[in-house]
Protein backbone atom coordinates (compact mmCIF):
# COMPACT_ATOMS: atom_id res chain seq x y z
CA MET A 1 99.18 135.98 58.44
CA MET A 2 100.82 139.02 59.89
CA VAL A 3 98.55 141.73 61.14
CA ALA A 4 99.51 145.61 61.36
CA ALA A 5 96.68 147.84 63.28
CA VAL A 6 95.23 150.84 61.21
CA ILE A 7 93.36 153.21 63.80
CA LEU A 8 90.81 155.28 62.43
CA ALA A 9 91.13 159.01 64.18
CA GLY A 10 90.00 160.99 61.24
CA GLY A 11 86.51 161.97 61.84
CA ARG A 12 85.22 165.13 62.00
CA ALA A 13 83.56 164.75 65.85
CA THR A 14 79.79 166.67 64.72
CA ARG A 15 78.35 165.31 67.06
CA MET A 16 80.79 166.20 69.86
CA GLY A 17 81.20 169.86 68.30
CA GLY A 18 83.94 168.89 66.13
CA GLY A 19 87.64 168.08 66.72
CA ASP A 20 89.75 165.29 67.30
CA LYS A 21 87.66 162.45 69.28
CA PRO A 22 90.32 160.59 69.69
CA LEU A 23 92.07 162.86 72.25
CA LEU A 24 88.96 163.22 74.18
CA THR A 25 89.90 162.29 78.13
CA LEU A 26 88.33 158.69 79.26
CA ARG A 27 89.72 158.08 82.81
CA ASP A 28 92.22 160.89 82.31
CA ARG A 29 93.60 159.58 79.60
CA PRO A 30 92.72 160.58 75.86
CA LEU A 31 89.71 157.40 74.13
CA LEU A 32 93.34 156.96 71.78
CA ALA A 33 95.76 156.06 74.50
CA HIS A 34 92.44 153.23 75.24
CA VAL A 35 92.45 151.49 71.80
CA ILE A 36 96.52 151.17 71.83
CA ASP A 37 96.30 149.37 74.76
CA ARG A 38 93.63 147.11 73.79
CA LEU A 39 95.48 146.74 69.87
CA ASP A 40 99.19 146.30 71.39
CA PRO A 41 99.16 143.15 72.05
CA GLN A 42 97.69 142.08 69.38
CA VAL A 43 99.13 143.32 66.42
CA GLU A 44 102.21 143.56 65.19
CA ALA A 45 102.97 147.45 64.18
CA MET A 46 99.32 150.23 64.31
CA ALA A 47 99.64 153.39 62.89
CA ILE A 48 96.83 155.97 62.64
CA SER A 49 94.71 157.08 60.07
CA ALA A 50 93.52 160.62 60.46
CA ASN A 51 94.06 164.01 58.20
CA GLY A 52 95.15 167.74 59.13
CA ASP A 53 98.63 168.39 61.30
CA PRO A 54 99.99 164.69 62.67
CA ALA A 55 101.82 166.21 64.77
CA ARG A 56 99.05 166.34 67.66
CA PHE A 57 99.62 162.60 67.70
CA ALA A 58 103.31 163.21 67.89
CA ALA A 59 102.25 161.93 72.14
CA TYR A 60 102.00 158.42 70.69
CA ASP A 61 104.84 157.86 67.89
CA LEU A 62 103.18 155.67 65.99
CA PRO A 63 102.74 156.32 61.39
CA VAL A 64 99.50 159.27 60.82
CA LEU A 65 98.25 157.96 57.40
CA PRO A 66 96.19 160.84 55.63
CA ASP A 67 93.49 159.93 53.11
CA ALA A 68 95.26 159.96 49.69
CA THR A 69 91.58 161.85 48.16
CA PRO A 70 90.35 165.17 49.37
CA ASP A 71 87.25 166.69 50.89
CA PHE A 72 87.35 163.82 54.66
CA PRO A 73 85.60 160.38 51.61
CA GLY A 74 85.21 158.47 55.53
CA PRO A 75 86.78 156.04 56.95
CA LEU A 76 86.85 153.77 52.93
CA ALA A 77 90.23 156.20 52.68
CA GLY A 78 91.85 155.13 55.88
CA ILE A 79 91.25 151.52 54.96
CA VAL A 80 92.77 152.68 51.84
CA ALA A 81 95.73 154.67 52.62
CA GLY A 82 96.45 151.89 55.77
CA MET A 83 96.50 148.91 53.72
CA ASP A 84 98.96 151.16 51.34
CA TRP A 85 100.73 151.24 54.31
CA ALA A 86 100.32 147.57 55.61
CA ALA A 87 101.26 146.34 51.96
CA ALA A 88 104.82 148.61 51.78
CA LYS A 89 105.63 147.19 55.20
CA GLY A 90 105.25 143.66 53.84
CA PHE A 91 101.81 142.48 56.33
CA SER A 92 99.40 140.51 54.50
CA HIS A 93 96.01 141.92 57.00
CA ILE A 94 95.13 145.00 58.30
CA LEU A 95 92.89 145.94 61.66
CA SER A 96 90.56 148.54 61.34
CA ALA A 97 89.21 149.82 64.08
CA PRO A 98 87.63 153.38 65.41
CA GLY A 99 90.28 156.07 67.56
CA ASP A 100 86.76 155.88 69.73
CA THR A 101 86.50 152.54 70.69
CA PRO A 102 87.62 151.92 74.23
CA PHE A 103 86.47 148.53 75.78
CA LEU A 104 87.89 146.76 72.65
CA PRO A 105 88.37 142.59 72.68
CA ALA A 106 91.72 141.62 73.78
CA ASP A 107 91.22 138.28 71.13
CA LEU A 108 89.55 140.69 68.20
CA VAL A 109 92.37 140.14 66.01
CA VAL A 110 92.93 135.95 66.80
CA ARG A 111 89.26 135.17 66.52
CA LEU A 112 88.58 137.47 63.15
CA ALA A 113 92.55 135.68 62.42
CA ARG A 114 89.75 132.50 61.69
CA HIS A 115 88.46 134.28 57.86
CA PRO A 116 90.63 135.25 55.53
CA PHE A 117 88.13 138.06 56.01
CA ALA A 118 86.32 139.32 58.28
CA MET A 119 84.22 142.35 60.30
CA ALA A 120 83.48 142.36 63.98
CA GLU A 121 79.30 141.90 65.13
CA SER A 122 77.60 142.41 68.22
CA ARG A 123 73.88 142.52 69.82
CA GLY A 124 72.87 142.04 66.15
CA ARG A 125 74.61 145.14 64.60
CA LYS A 126 77.73 144.36 62.19
CA HIS A 127 80.98 146.67 62.58
CA PRO A 128 82.37 147.19 59.39
CA VAL A 129 85.23 149.71 60.54
CA VAL A 130 86.17 146.60 63.17
CA ALA A 131 87.46 144.36 59.94
CA LEU A 132 90.82 141.62 59.52
CA TRP A 133 91.26 143.21 55.89
CA PRO A 134 93.64 141.54 53.26
CA VAL A 135 96.34 143.80 51.92
CA VAL A 136 96.37 142.04 48.44
CA LEU A 137 91.99 144.14 48.56
CA ARG A 138 93.75 147.25 48.22
CA ASP A 139 93.84 147.81 44.63
CA ALA A 140 89.80 146.96 44.67
CA ILE A 141 88.46 149.17 47.25
CA ARG A 142 90.52 151.75 45.86
CA LYS A 143 89.02 151.65 42.84
CA ALA A 144 85.86 151.00 44.72
CA LEU A 145 86.02 154.15 46.41
CA ALA A 146 87.44 156.25 43.46
CA GLY A 147 83.73 155.03 42.03
CA GLY A 148 81.85 157.03 44.16
CA GLU A 149 80.69 153.96 46.86
CA ARG A 150 81.42 155.85 51.30
CA ARG A 151 79.64 152.42 52.62
CA VAL A 152 82.62 150.91 54.07
CA GLY A 153 79.50 148.30 55.17
CA ARG A 154 78.85 147.73 51.42
CA VAL A 155 82.48 147.54 50.55
CA ALA A 156 82.84 145.05 53.12
CA ALA A 157 80.39 142.25 52.31
CA GLU A 158 80.81 142.83 48.51
CA PHE A 159 84.48 141.25 48.50
CA GLY A 160 82.63 138.52 51.35
CA ALA A 161 83.92 139.50 54.79
CA ARG A 162 82.33 137.08 57.03
CA SER A 163 80.67 138.20 60.18
CA VAL A 164 82.17 137.12 63.53
CA LYS A 165 80.15 137.48 66.88
CA PHE A 166 81.38 139.20 69.52
CA ASP A 167 78.61 138.67 73.28
CA GLY A 168 78.60 139.55 76.44
CA PRO A 169 77.21 141.77 78.58
CA GLU A 170 78.88 144.59 78.34
CA ASP A 171 79.26 145.98 74.47
CA PRO A 172 82.46 145.80 73.31
CA PHE A 173 82.38 147.86 70.56
CA PHE A 174 80.45 150.31 72.12
CA ASN A 175 81.78 153.74 71.06
CA VAL A 176 82.00 157.30 71.92
CA ASN A 177 80.33 159.79 69.83
CA THR A 178 78.90 162.07 72.05
CA PRO A 179 78.40 163.69 74.57
CA GLU A 180 76.31 161.25 76.81
CA ASP A 181 79.02 158.45 74.99
CA LEU A 182 81.59 160.19 77.44
CA ASP A 183 79.85 159.87 80.83
CA GLU A 184 78.84 156.09 79.55
CA ALA A 185 82.00 155.29 79.44
CA GLN A 186 83.48 156.76 82.27
CA ASN A 187 80.79 155.14 84.35
CA ARG A 188 82.12 151.83 82.17
CA LEU A 189 85.25 152.02 83.60
CA ALA A 190 84.43 153.61 87.19
CA THR A 191 82.99 149.79 88.00
């Protein structure tokens, strides 16, 4: 299994007042840098899924993949763009992960890769945007997206994604959506 990571960094960050959430600072480094550090040892390559000017991510020296569809269709479009990029590079799977999840597990890929298609789960909640996607599904997912589907969880369920539980004292899929979440992440890293 050849796995590339696609970091989903194209959200509008409305609960944070707009802008690029992954570029917010967490302990003197952007959230995105924390995500890259967590994923880099687990995959063969990485790309960032984001619309707009790719130059804002130039410091990371990673490909920046825009959505193929206009009007911010959401993370599913980023997953399809990532699958297209990965297919062209010869990868069999992509790991999708949001750019605002700085505590991803060090064994994420190993555990998800026990299944052909799998998504993370923690604390009784499924995380379909943290998933290992077989690239062979890209045309079928593109068709669902073109038909108006926007819900990643519904697509993952439709194509048979298995749920893999990650338990522990802290939620490894905690994501930063609000200023309060950013404060909580700062406190978590401080301890």
